[in-house]
Amino acid sequence: MHELAIMQSVVGVCEREAAERGFRRVESIKLAVGALSGFEPGCMFEFFPAAAAGTVAEGARLETRVIPAAIECPDCGYSGEAHGAECPRCGGAGFRLTQGREFYIDSIEVE
C-alpha cells in the first residue's frame, strides 16, 4: 500500500509546481519506474485518483514507463539487461546493478 503514499507525493510535486509556475490543471503525468524499484504500476493507477482528488492533478492521465534492470559484470565485461540473479553471459553473481531501481517523474503536461 506504499503506492498510495507515493502517489500522494507525486501529486504534492504537481501542487508545488502549480503554485510556483501558475498553471491550474495537470493534463498528464509520466512516471519512470524501475523494474526492481518495488513499485507496482498497477497499484499506482489504482491509488492515483484518490491521491489526486481535489487537486490540480484530479482527472490527469497517468502514464508509466518501466525501466528494465541492467547490470555490468566485472568478471566477463557483460553490460546489458539482467534476467535473474546472475550474469547471463558467465553466470557470475558479482555484477553491479546499473539501472532498474529508479522512480521519478519524467514529465508533467499542464493546461
PDB file of N, CA and C in Angstrom:
ATOM      1  N   MET A   1       0.819  -1.194   0.000  1.00  0.00           N
ATOM      2  CA  MET A   1       0.000   0.000   0.000  1.00  0.00           C
ATOM      3  C   MET A   1       0.864   1.259   0.000  1.00  0.00           C
ATOM      4  N   HIS A   2       2.188   1.120  -0.100  1.00  0.00           N
ATOM      5  CA  HIS A   2       3.017   2.319  -0.147  1.00  0.00           C
ATOM      6  C   HIS A   2       2.820   3.089  -1.448  1.00  0.00           C
ATOM      7  N   GLU A   3       2.153   2.483  -2.431  1.00  0.00           N
ATOM      8  CA  GLU A   3       1.871   3.199  -3.672  1.00  0.00           C
ATOM      9  C   GLU A   3       0.946   4.395  -3.439  1.00  0.00           C
ATOM     10  N   LEU A   4       0.047   4.318  -2.450  1.00  0.00           N
ATOM     11  CA  LEU A   4      -0.800   5.473  -2.140  1.00  0.00           C
ATOM     12  C   LEU A   4       0.064   6.642  -1.664  1.00  0.00           C
ATOM     13  N   ALA A   5       1.004   6.373  -0.777  1.00  0.00           N
ATOM     14  CA  ALA A   5       1.899   7.439  -0.297  1.00  0.00           C
ATOM     15  C   ALA A   5       2.745   7.991  -1.443  1.00  0.00           C
ATOM     16  N   ILE A   6       3.180   7.133  -2.332  1.00  0.00           N
ATOM     17  CA  ILE A   6       3.969   7.576  -3.485  1.00  0.00           C
ATOM     18  C   ILE A   6       3.116   8.463  -4.384  1.00  0.00           C
ATOM     19  N   MET A   7       1.884   8.073  -4.633  1.00  0.00           N
ATOM     20  CA  MET A   7       1.006   8.882  -5.475  1.00  0.00           C
ATOM     21  C   MET A   7       0.693  10.216  -4.798  1.00  0.00           C
ATOM     22  N   GLN A   8       0.556  10.222  -3.485  1.00  0.00           N
ATOM     23  CA  GLN A   8       0.351  11.481  -2.770  1.00  0.00           C
ATOM     24  C   GLN A   8       1.574  12.384  -2.925  1.00  0.00           C
ATOM     25  N   SER A   9       2.753  11.811  -2.920  1.00  0.00           N
ATOM     26  CA  SER A   9       3.974  12.599  -3.132  1.00  0.00           C
ATOM     27  C   SER A   9       4.044  13.156  -4.544  1.00  0.00           C
ATOM     28  N   VAL A  10       3.666  12.357  -5.534  1.00  0.00           N
ATOM     29  CA  VAL A  10       3.647  12.822  -6.924  1.00  0.00           C
ATOM     30  C   VAL A  10       2.670  13.980  -7.073  1.00  0.00           C
ATOM     31  N   VAL A  11       1.496  13.841  -6.483  1.00  0.00           N
ATOM     32  CA  VAL A  11       0.500  14.919  -6.529  1.00  0.00           C
ATOM     33  C   VAL A  11       1.029  16.153  -5.800  1.00  0.00           C
ATOM     34  N   GLY A  12       1.747  15.940  -4.704  1.00  0.00           N
ATOM     35  CA  GLY A  12       2.352  17.061  -3.984  1.00  0.00           C
ATOM     36  C   GLY A  12       3.330  17.841  -4.849  1.00  0.00           C
ATOM     37  N   VAL A  13       4.102  17.138  -5.665  1.00  0.00           N
ATOM     38  CA  VAL A  13       5.017  17.801  -6.602  1.00  0.00           C
ATOM     39  C   VAL A  13       4.213  18.641  -7.595  1.00  0.00           C
ATOM     40  N   CYS A  14       3.127  18.080  -8.098  1.00  0.00           N
ATOM     41  CA  CYS A  14       2.270  18.821  -9.035  1.00  0.00           C
ATOM     42  C   CYS A  14       1.701  20.076  -8.382  1.00  0.00           C
ATOM     43  N   GLU A  15       1.274  19.958  -7.142  1.00  0.00           N
ATOM     44  CA  GLU A  15       0.720  21.104  -6.424  1.00  0.00           C
ATOM     45  C   GLU A  15       1.781  22.197  -6.230  1.00  0.00           C
ATOM     46  N   ARG A  16       2.990  21.808  -5.846  1.00  0.00           N
ATOM     47  CA  ARG A  16       4.070  22.793  -5.664  1.00  0.00           C
ATOM     48  C   ARG A  16       4.428  23.472  -6.983  1.00  0.00           C
ATOM     49  N   GLU A  17       4.502  22.684  -8.046  1.00  0.00           N
ATOM     50  CA  GLU A  17       4.817  23.253  -9.357  1.00  0.00           C
ATOM     51  C   GLU A  17       3.722  24.215  -9.812  1.00  0.00           C
ATOM     52  N   ALA A  18       2.469  23.860  -9.545  1.00  0.00           N
ATOM     53  CA  ALA A  18       1.351  24.739  -9.918  1.00  0.00           C
ATOM     54  C   ALA A  18       1.444  26.063  -9.173  1.00  0.00           C
ATOM     55  N   ALA A  19       1.775  26.004  -7.891  1.00  0.00           N
ATOM     56  CA  ALA A  19       1.901  27.222  -7.095  1.00  0.00           C
ATOM     57  C   ALA A  19       3.053  28.095  -7.594  1.00  0.00           C
ATOM     58  N   GLU A  20       4.157  27.459  -7.963  1.00  0.00           N
ATOM     59  CA  GLU A  20       5.338  28.211  -8.426  1.00  0.00           C
ATOM     60  C   GLU A  20       5.182  28.740  -9.851  1.00  0.00           C
ATOM     61  N   ARG A  21       4.551  27.958 -10.709  1.00  0.00           N
ATOM     62  CA  ARG A  21       4.520  28.298 -12.141  1.00  0.00           C
ATOM     63  C   ARG A  21       3.182  28.851 -12.625  1.00  0.00           C
ATOM     64  N   GLY A  22       2.166  28.743 -11.780  1.00  0.00           N
ATOM     65  CA  GLY A  22       0.895  29.370 -12.096  1.00  0.00           C
ATOM     66  C   GLY A  22      -0.035  28.607 -13.030  1.00  0.00           C
ATOM     67  N   PHE A  23       0.155  27.319 -13.207  1.00  0.00           N
ATOM     68  CA  PHE A  23      -0.821  26.575 -14.016  1.00  0.00           C
ATOM     69  C   PHE A  23      -1.958  26.100 -13.120  1.00  0.00           C
ATOM     70  N   ARG A  24      -3.089  25.787 -13.747  1.00  0.00           N
ATOM     71  CA  ARG A  24      -4.290  25.433 -12.978  1.00  0.00           C
ATOM     72  C   ARG A  24      -4.660  23.965 -13.043  1.00  0.00           C
ATOM     73  N   ARG A  25      -4.124  23.266 -14.026  1.00  0.00           N
ATOM     74  CA  ARG A  25      -4.567  21.881 -14.213  1.00  0.00           C
ATOM     75  C   ARG A  25      -3.456  21.055 -14.826  1.00  0.00           C
ATOM     76  N   VAL A  26      -3.318  19.830 -14.341  1.00  0.00           N
ATOM     77  CA  VAL A  26      -2.374  18.875 -14.906  1.00  0.00           C
ATOM     78  C   VAL A  26      -3.135  17.977 -15.871  1.00  0.00           C
ATOM     79  N   GLU A  27      -2.654  17.894 -17.098  1.00  0.00           N
ATOM     80  CA  GLU A  27      -3.269  17.030 -18.116  1.00  0.00           C
ATOM     81  C   GLU A  27      -2.766  15.587 -17.998  1.00  0.00           C
ATOM     82  N   SER A  28      -1.435  15.443 -17.843  1.00  0.00           N
ATOM     83  CA  SER A  28      -0.869  14.102 -17.724  1.00  0.00           C
ATOM     84  C   SER A  28       0.419  14.122 -16.919  1.00  0.00           C
ATOM     85  N   ILE A  29       0.689  12.981 -16.308  1.00  0.00           N
ATOM     86  CA  ILE A  29       1.913  12.778 -15.540  1.00  0.00           C
ATOM     87  C   ILE A  29       2.555  11.513 -16.072  1.00  0.00           C
ATOM     88  N   LYS A  30       3.821  11.628 -16.462  1.00  0.00           N
ATOM     89  CA  LYS A  30       4.558  10.463 -16.945  1.00  0.00           C
ATOM     90  C   LYS A  30       5.605  10.091 -15.907  1.00  0.00           C
ATOM     91  N   LEU A  31       5.526   8.838 -15.458  1.00  0.00           N
ATOM     92  CA  LEU A  31       6.446   8.339 -14.451  1.00  0.00           C
ATOM     93  C   LEU A  31       7.396   7.316 -15.051  1.00  0.00           C
ATOM     94  N   ALA A  32       8.639   7.325 -14.597  1.00  0.00           N
ATOM     95  CA  ALA A  32       9.616   6.295 -14.946  1.00  0.00           C
ATOM     96  C   ALA A  32       9.749   5.398 -13.716  1.00  0.00           C
ATOM     97  N   VAL A  33       9.533   4.095 -13.906  1.00  0.00           N
ATOM     98  CA  VAL A  33       9.501   3.144 -12.798  1.00  0.00           C
ATOM     99  C   VAL A  33      10.468   2.002 -13.099  1.00  0.00           C
ATOM    100  N   GLY A  34      11.500   1.863 -12.288  1.00  0.00           N
ATOM    101  CA  GLY A  34      12.449   0.779 -12.461  1.00  0.00           C
ATOM    102  C   GLY A  34      11.810  -0.562 -12.173  1.00  0.00           C
ATOM    103  N   ALA A  35      12.194  -1.568 -12.958  1.00  0.00           N
ATOM    104  CA  ALA A  35      11.638  -2.915 -12.799  1.00  0.00           C
ATOM    105  C   ALA A  35      11.915  -3.481 -11.406  1.00  0.00           C
ATOM    106  N   LEU A  36      12.981  -3.019 -10.749  1.00  0.00           N
ATOM    107  CA  LEU A  36      13.329  -3.501  -9.413  1.00  0.00           C
ATOM    108  C   LEU A  36      13.079  -2.456  -8.332  1.00  0.00           C
ATOM    109  N   SER A  37      12.288  -1.441  -8.633  1.00  0.00           N
ATOM    110  CA  SER A  37      12.034  -0.358  -7.685  1.00  0.00           C
ATOM    111  C   SER A  37      11.135  -0.780  -6.525  1.00  0.00           C
ATOM    112  N   GLY A  38      10.370  -1.827  -6.716  1.00  0.00           N
ATOM    113  CA  GLY A  38       9.426  -2.257  -5.689  1.00  0.00           C
ATOM    114  C   GLY A  38       8.063  -1.619  -5.825  1.00  0.00           C
ATOM    115  N   PHE A  39       7.896  -0.749  -6.815  1.00  0.00           N
ATOM    116  CA  PHE A  39       6.606  -0.098  -7.037  1.00  0.00           C
ATOM    117  C   PHE A  39       5.850  -0.827  -8.136  1.00  0.00           C
ATOM    118  N   GLU A  40       4.579  -1.048  -7.920  1.00  0.00           N
ATOM    119  CA  GLU A  40       3.725  -1.733  -8.881  1.00  0.00           C
ATOM    120  C   GLU A  40       2.911  -0.704  -9.658  1.00  0.00           C
ATOM    121  N   PRO A  41       3.177  -0.545 -10.970  1.00  0.00           N
ATOM    122  CA  PRO A  41       2.399   0.415 -11.757  1.00  0.00           C
ATOM    123  C   PRO A  41       0.888   0.209 -11.650  1.00  0.00           C
ATOM    124  N   GLY A  42       0.438  -1.035 -11.603  1.00  0.00           N
ATOM    125  CA  GLY A  42      -0.995  -1.296 -11.486  1.00  0.00           C
ATOM    126  C   GLY A  42      -1.590  -0.680 -10.226  1.00  0.00           C
ATOM    127  N   CYS A  43      -0.868  -0.776  -9.125  1.00  0.00           N
ATOM    128  CA  CYS A  43      -1.335  -0.171  -7.870  1.00  0.00           C
ATOM    129  C   CYS A  43      -1.296   1.348  -7.950  1.00  0.00           C
ATOM    130  N   MET A  44      -0.317   1.880  -8.671  1.00  0.00           N
ATOM    131  CA  MET A  44      -0.249   3.335  -8.829  1.00  0.00           C
ATOM    132  C   MET A  44      -1.495   3.844  -9.538  1.00  0.00           C
ATOM    133  N   PHE A  45      -1.893   3.138 -10.594  1.00  0.00           N
ATOM    134  CA  PHE A  45      -3.100   3.529 -11.324  1.00  0.00           C
ATOM    135  C   PHE A  45      -4.329   3.427 -10.435  1.00  0.00           C
ATOM    136  N   GLU A  46      -4.337   2.441  -9.547  1.00  0.00           N
ATOM    137  CA  GLU A  46      -5.474   2.244  -8.650  1.00  0.00           C
ATOM    138  C   GLU A  46      -5.578   3.372  -7.621  1.00  0.00           C
ATOM    139  N   PHE A  47      -4.452   3.805  -7.057  1.00  0.00           N
ATOM    140  CA  PHE A  47      -4.465   4.793  -5.979  1.00  0.00           C
ATOM    141  C   PHE A  47      -4.386   6.239  -6.462  1.00  0.00           C
ATOM    142  N   PHE A  48      -3.991   6.459  -7.696  1.00  0.00           N
ATOM    143  CA  PHE A  48      -3.823   7.820  -8.185  1.00  0.00           C
ATOM    144  C   PHE A  48      -5.096   8.663  -8.089  1.00  0.00           C
ATOM    145  N   PRO A  49      -6.275   8.168  -8.504  1.00  0.00           N
ATOM    146  CA  PRO A  49      -7.479   9.018  -8.420  1.00  0.00           C
ATOM    147  C   PRO A  49      -7.769   9.508  -7.002  1.00  0.00           C
ATOM    148  N   ALA A  50      -7.559   8.670  -6.009  1.00  0.00           N
ATOM    149  CA  ALA A  50      -7.804   9.088  -4.620  1.00  0.00           C
ATOM    150  C   ALA A  50      -6.790  10.142  -4.189  1.00  0.00           C
ATOM    151  N   ALA A  51      -5.530   9.943  -4.580  1.00  0.00           N
ATOM    152  CA  ALA A  51      -4.488  10.902  -4.211  1.00  0.00           C
ATOM    153  C   ALA A  51      -4.693  12.248  -4.897  1.00  0.00           C
ATOM    154  N   ALA A  52      -5.228  12.226  -6.115  1.00  0.00           N
ATOM    155  CA  ALA A  52      -5.375  13.445  -6.910  1.00  0.00           C
ATOM    156  C   ALA A  52      -6.685  14.187  -6.666  1.00  0.00           C
ATOM    157  N   ALA A  53      -7.646  13.570  -5.999  1.00  0.00           N
ATOM    158  CA  ALA A  53      -8.962  14.188  -5.790  1.00  0.00           C
ATOM    159  C   ALA A  53      -8.835  15.556  -5.129  1.00  0.00           C
ATOM    160  N   GLY A  54      -9.457  16.556  -5.751  1.00  0.00           N
ATOM    161  CA  GLY A  54      -9.470  17.900  -5.209  1.00  0.00           C
ATOM    162  C   GLY A  54      -8.191  18.693  -5.424  1.00  0.00           C
ATOM    163  N   THR A  55      -7.294  18.195  -6.286  1.00  0.00           N
ATOM    164  CA  THR A  55      -6.019  18.873  -6.551  1.00  0.00           C
ATOM    165  C   THR A  55      -5.923  19.260  -8.026  1.00  0.00           C
ATOM    166  N   VAL A  56      -4.829  19.921  -8.383  1.00  0.00           N
ATOM    167  CA  VAL A  56      -4.605  20.289  -9.791  1.00  0.00           C
ATOM    168  C   VAL A  56      -4.413  19.057 -10.664  1.00  0.00           C
ATOM    169  N   ALA A  57      -4.160  17.901 -10.046  1.00  0.00           N
ATOM    170  CA  ALA A  57      -3.943  16.662 -10.797  1.00  0.00           C
ATOM    171  C   ALA A  57      -5.206  15.813 -10.950  1.00  0.00           C
ATOM    172  N   GLU A  58      -6.318  16.272 -10.382  1.00  0.00           N
ATOM    173  CA  GLU A  58      -7.556  15.500 -10.499  1.00  0.00           C
ATOM    174  C   GLU A  58      -7.932  15.358 -11.969  1.00  0.00           C
ATOM    175  N   GLY A  59      -8.186  14.129 -12.386  1.00  0.00           N
ATOM    176  CA  GLY A  59      -8.565  13.858 -13.769  1.00  0.00           C
ATOM    177  C   GLY A  59      -7.391  13.732 -14.725  1.00  0.00           C
ATOM    178  N   ALA A  60      -6.176  13.911 -14.234  1.00  0.00           N
ATOM    179  CA  ALA A  60      -4.997  13.806 -15.103  1.00  0.00           C
ATOM    180  C   ALA A  60      -4.793  12.359 -15.542  1.00  0.00           C
ATOM    181  N   ARG A  61      -4.179  12.221 -16.685  1.00  0.00           N
ATOM    182  CA  ARG A  61      -3.829  10.900 -17.227  1.00  0.00           C
ATOM    183  C   ARG A  61      -2.486  10.503 -16.621  1.00  0.00           C
ATOM    184  N   LEU A  62      -2.395   9.304 -16.092  1.00  0.00           N
ATOM    185  CA  LEU A  62      -1.162   8.792 -15.513  1.00  0.00           C
ATOM    186  C   LEU A  62      -0.574   7.771 -16.476  1.00  0.00           C
ATOM    187  N   GLU A  63       0.700   7.941 -16.797  1.00  0.00           N
ATOM    188  CA  GLU A  63       1.391   7.014 -17.692  1.00  0.00           C
ATOM    189  C   GLU A  63       2.668   6.550 -17.003  1.00  0.00           C
ATOM    190  N   THR A  64       3.024   5.290 -17.227  1.00  0.00           N
ATOM    191  CA  THR A  64       4.272   4.779 -16.665  1.00  0.00           C
ATOM    192  C   THR A  64       5.135   4.181 -17.770  1.00  0.00           C
ATOM    193  N   ARG A  65       6.433   4.316 -17.561  1.00  0.00           N
ATOM    194  CA  ARG A  65       7.417   3.702 -18.452  1.00  0.00           C
ATOM    195  C   ARG A  65       8.307   2.863 -17.549  1.00  0.00           C
ATOM    196  N   VAL A  66       8.369   1.559 -17.821  1.00  0.00           N
ATOM    197  CA  VAL A  66       9.177   0.665 -16.998  1.00  0.00           C
ATOM    198  C   VAL A  66      10.610   0.658 -17.516  1.00  0.00           C
ATOM    199  N   ILE A  67      11.543   0.893 -16.610  1.00  0.00           N
ATOM    200  CA  ILE A  67      12.966   0.853 -16.935  1.00  0.00           C
ATOM    201  C   ILE A  67      13.472  -0.538 -16.564  1.00  0.00           C
ATOM    202  N   PRO A  68      13.957  -1.304 -17.536  1.00  0.00           N
ATOM    203  CA  PRO A  68      14.395  -2.673 -17.238  1.00  0.00           C
ATOM    204  C   PRO A  68      15.656  -2.681 -16.367  1.00  0.00           C
ATOM    205  N   ALA A  69      15.845  -3.779 -15.665  1.00  0.00           N
ATOM    206  CA  ALA A  69      17.056  -3.954 -14.869  1.00  0.00           C
ATOM    207  C   ALA A  69      18.232  -4.188 -15.810  1.00  0.00           C
ATOM    208  N   ALA A  70      19.361  -3.567 -15.505  1.00  0.00           N
ATOM    209  CA  ALA A  70      20.580  -3.755 -16.288  1.00  0.00           C
ATOM    210  C   ALA A  70      21.762  -3.889 -15.337  1.00  0.00           C
ATOM    211  N   ILE A  71      22.771  -4.631 -15.796  1.00  0.00           N
ATOM    212  CA  ILE A  71      23.950  -4.894 -14.968  1.00  0.00           C
ATOM    213  C   ILE A  71      25.233  -4.670 -15.750  1.00  0.00           C
ATOM    214  N   GLU A  72      26.325  -4.583 -14.995  1.00  0.00           N
ATOM    215  CA  GLU A  72      27.678  -4.652 -15.543  1.00  0.00           C
ATOM    216  C   GLU A  72      28.384  -5.739 -14.756  1.00  0.00           C
ATOM    217  N   CYS A  73      28.999  -6.683 -15.457  1.00  0.00           N
ATOM    218  CA  CYS A  73      29.683  -7.801 -14.812  1.00  0.00           C
ATOM    219  C   CYS A  73      31.191  -7.586 -14.897  1.00  0.00           C
ATOM    220  N   PRO A  74      31.871  -7.488 -13.755  1.00  0.00           N
ATOM    221  CA  PRO A  74      33.321  -7.292 -13.777  1.00  0.00           C
ATOM    222  C   PRO A  74      34.079  -8.557 -14.188  1.00  0.00           C
ATOM    223  N   ASP A  75      33.433  -9.714 -14.079  1.00  0.00           N
ATOM    224  CA  ASP A  75      34.102 -10.972 -14.405  1.00  0.00           C
ATOM    225  C   ASP A  75      34.281 -11.171 -15.908  1.00  0.00           C
ATOM    226  N   CYS A  76      33.213 -10.864 -16.684  1.00  0.00           N
ATOM    227  CA  CYS A  76      33.293 -11.124 -18.130  1.00  0.00           C
ATOM    228  C   CYS A  76      33.119  -9.873 -18.984  1.00  0.00           C
ATOM    229  N   GLY A  77      32.779  -8.741 -18.346  1.00  0.00           N
ATOM    230  CA  GLY A  77      32.612  -7.498 -19.088  1.00  0.00           C
ATOM    231  C   GLY A  77      31.229  -7.289 -19.668  1.00  0.00           C
ATOM    232  N   TYR A  78      30.313  -8.202 -19.395  1.00  0.00           N
ATOM    233  CA  TYR A  78      28.939  -8.051 -19.909  1.00  0.00           C
ATOM    234  C   TYR A  78      28.317  -6.768 -19.378  1.00  0.00           C
ATOM    235  N   SER A  79      27.616  -6.087 -20.246  1.00  0.00           N
ATOM    236  CA  SER A  79      26.863  -4.901 -19.877  1.00  0.00           C
ATOM    237  C   SER A  79      25.541  -4.964 -20.630  1.00  0.00           C
ATOM    238  N   GLY A  80      24.442  -5.052 -19.900  1.00  0.00           N
ATOM    239  CA  GLY A  80      23.137  -5.117 -20.560  1.00  0.00           C
ATOM    240  C   GLY A  80      22.045  -5.529 -19.608  1.00  0.00           C
ATOM    241  N   GLU A  81      20.920  -5.948 -20.173  1.00  0.00           N
ATOM    242  CA  GLU A  81      19.761  -6.315 -19.364  1.00  0.00           C
ATOM    243  C   GLU A  81      20.044  -7.513 -18.480  1.00  0.00           C
ATOM    244  N   ALA A  82      19.465  -7.472 -17.293  1.00  0.00           N
ATOM    245  CA  ALA A  82      19.573  -8.566 -16.342  1.00  0.00           C
ATOM    246  C   ALA A  82      18.320  -9.426 -16.444  1.00  0.00           C
ATOM    247  N   HIS A  83      18.530 -10.727 -16.307  1.00  0.00           N
ATOM    248  CA  HIS A  83      17.394 -11.659 -16.382  1.00  0.00           C
ATOM    249  C   HIS A  83      17.455 -12.661 -15.241  1.00  0.00           C
ATOM    250  N   GLY A  84      17.733 -12.188 -14.069  1.00  0.00           N
ATOM    251  CA  GLY A  84      17.814 -13.064 -12.907  1.00  0.00           C
ATOM    252  C   GLY A  84      18.895 -12.592 -11.969  1.00  0.00           C
ATOM    253  N   ALA A  85      19.352 -13.495 -11.112  1.00  0.00           N
ATOM    254  CA  ALA A  85      20.312 -13.145 -10.073  1.00  0.00           C
ATOM    255  C   ALA A  85      21.750 -13.467 -10.449  1.00  0.00           C
ATOM    256  N   GLU A  86      21.997 -13.662 -11.747  1.00  0.00           N
ATOM    257  CA  GLU A  86      23.369 -13.923 -12.189  1.00  0.00           C
ATOM    258  C   GLU A  86      23.596 -13.333 -13.569  1.00  0.00           C
ATOM    259  N   CYS A  87      24.849 -13.167 -13.909  1.00  0.00           N
ATOM    260  CA  CYS A  87      25.196 -12.628 -15.228  1.00  0.00           C
ATOM    261  C   CYS A  87      24.720 -13.599 -16.304  1.00  0.00           C
ATOM    262  N   PRO A  88      24.006 -13.103 -17.321  1.00  0.00           N
ATOM    263  CA  PRO A  88      23.513 -14.012 -18.357  1.00  0.00           C
ATOM    264  C   PRO A  88      24.632 -14.582 -19.238  1.00  0.00           C
ATOM    265  N   ARG A  89      25.798 -13.953 -19.225  1.00  0.00           N
ATOM    266  CA  ARG A  89      26.906 -14.449 -20.056  1.00  0.00           C
ATOM    267  C   ARG A  89      27.760 -15.482 -19.328  1.00  0.00           C
ATOM    268  N   CYS A  90      28.199 -15.150 -18.093  1.00  0.00           N
ATOM    269  CA  CYS A  90      29.147 -16.045 -17.413  1.00  0.00           C
ATOM    270  C   CYS A  90      28.579 -16.729 -16.172  1.00  0.00           C
ATOM    271  N   GLY A  91      27.385 -16.316 -15.743  1.00  0.00           N
ATOM    272  CA  GLY A  91      26.779 -16.911 -14.551  1.00  0.00           C
ATOM    273  C   GLY A  91      27.290 -16.337 -13.244  1.00  0.00           C
ATOM    274  N   GLY A  92      28.158 -15.331 -13.325  1.00  0.00           N
ATOM    275  CA  GLY A  92      28.706 -14.716 -12.120  1.00  0.00           C
ATOM    276  C   GLY A  92      27.659 -13.946 -11.335  1.00  0.00           C
ATOM    277  N   ALA A  93      27.905 -13.839 -10.036  1.00  0.00           N
ATOM    278  CA  ALA A  93      26.968 -13.127  -9.169  1.00  0.00           C
ATOM    279  C   ALA A  93      27.554 -11.813  -8.655  1.00  0.00           C
ATOM    280  N   GLY A  94      28.751 -11.456  -9.085  1.00  0.00           N
ATOM    281  CA  GLY A  94      29.399 -10.249  -8.587  1.00  0.00           C
ATOM    282  C   GLY A  94      29.149  -9.028  -9.446  1.00  0.00           C
ATOM    283  N   PHE A  95      28.021  -8.996 -10.110  1.00  0.00           N
ATOM    284  CA  PHE A  95      27.721  -7.876 -11.004  1.00  0.00           C
ATOM    285  C   PHE A  95      27.258  -6.648 -10.232  1.00  0.00           C
ATOM    286  N   ARG A  96      27.248  -5.538 -10.942  1.00  0.00           N
ATOM    287  CA  ARG A  96      26.763  -4.261 -10.387  1.00  0.00           C
ATOM    288  C   ARG A  96      25.492  -3.869 -11.129  1.00  0.00           C
ATOM    289  N   LEU A  97      24.447  -3.566 -10.387  1.00  0.00           N
ATOM    290  CA  LEU A  97      23.189  -3.113 -10.984  1.00  0.00           C
ATOM    291  C   LEU A  97      23.375  -1.674 -11.459  1.00  0.00           C
ATOM    292  N   THR A  98      23.120  -1.415 -12.744  1.00  0.00           N
ATOM    293  CA  THR A  98      23.302  -0.070 -13.299  1.00  0.00           C
ATOM    294  C   THR A  98      21.988   0.655 -13.551  1.00  0.00           C
ATOM    295  N   GLN A  99      20.903  -0.056 -13.617  1.00  0.00           N
ATOM    296  CA  GLN A  99      19.580   0.574 -13.718  1.00  0.00           C
ATOM    297  C   GLN A  99      18.517  -0.427 -13.321  1.00  0.00           C
ATOM    298  N   GLY A 100      17.353   0.127 -12.946  1.00  0.00           N
ATOM    299  CA  GLY A 100      16.235  -0.731 -12.588  1.00  0.00           C
ATOM    300  C   GLY A 100      15.618  -0.399 -11.243  1.00  0.00           C
ATOM    301  N   ARG A 101      16.272   0.473 -10.474  1.00  0.00           N
ATOM    302  CA  ARG A 101      15.712   0.866  -9.174  1.00  0.00           C
ATOM    303  C   ARG A 101      15.091   2.252  -9.201  1.00  0.00           C
ATOM    304  N   GLU A 102      15.102   2.903 -10.340  1.00  0.00           N
ATOM    305  CA  GLU A 102      14.649   4.290 -10.447  1.00  0.00           C
ATOM    306  C   GLU A 102      13.152   4.441 -10.195  1.00  0.00           C
ATOM    307  N   PHE A 103      12.810   5.620  -9.759  1.00  0.00           N
ATOM    308  CA  PHE A 103      11.422   6.068  -9.736  1.00  0.00           C
ATOM    309  C   PHE A 103      11.467   7.585  -9.769  1.00  0.00           C
ATOM    310  N   TYR A 104      10.919   8.155 -10.816  1.00  0.00           N
ATOM    311  CA  TYR A 104      10.894   9.611 -10.904  1.00  0.00           C
ATOM    312  C   TYR A 104       9.799  10.072 -11.861  1.00  0.00           C
ATOM    313  N   ILE A 105       9.468  11.354 -11.725  1.00  0.00           N
ATOM    314  CA  ILE A 105       8.522  11.979 -12.653  1.00  0.00           C
ATOM    315  C   ILE A 105       9.297  12.345 -13.904  1.00  0.00           C
ATOM    316  N   ASP A 106       8.916  11.736 -15.009  1.00  0.00           N
ATOM    317  CA  ASP A 106       9.553  12.012 -16.294  1.00  0.00           C
ATOM    318  C   ASP A 106       9.097  13.364 -16.818  1.00  0.00           C
ATOM    319  N   SER A 107       7.780  13.604 -16.776  1.00  0.00           N
ATOM    320  CA  SER A 107       7.252  14.889 -17.243  1.00  0.00           C
ATOM    321  C   SER A 107       5.831  15.104 -16.703  1.00  0.00           C
ATOM    322  N   ILE A 108       5.464  16.374 -16.688  1.00  0.00           N
ATOM    323  CA  ILE A 108       4.111  16.783 -16.305  1.00  0.00           C
ATOM    324  C   ILE A 108       3.602  17.693 -17.410  1.00  0.00           C
ATOM    325  N   GLU A 109       2.498  17.309 -18.015  1.00  0.00           N
ATOM    326  CA  GLU A 109       1.866  18.144 -19.056  1.00  0.00           C
ATOM    327  C   GLU A 109       0.752  18.940 -18.380  1.00  0.00           C
ATOM    328  N   VAL A 110       0.764  20.250 -18.591  1.00  0.00           N
ATOM    329  CA  VAL A 110      -0.195  21.115 -17.900  1.00  0.00           C
ATOM    330  C   VAL A 110      -1.033  21.916 -18.886  1.00  0.00           C
ATOM    331  N   GLU A 111      -2.117  22.457 -18.354  1.00  0.00           N
ATOM    332  CA  GLU A 111      -3.008  23.313 -19.129  1.00  0.00           C
ATOM    333  C   GLU A 111      -2.778  24.750 -18.747  1.00  0.00           C
TER     334      GLU A 111
END
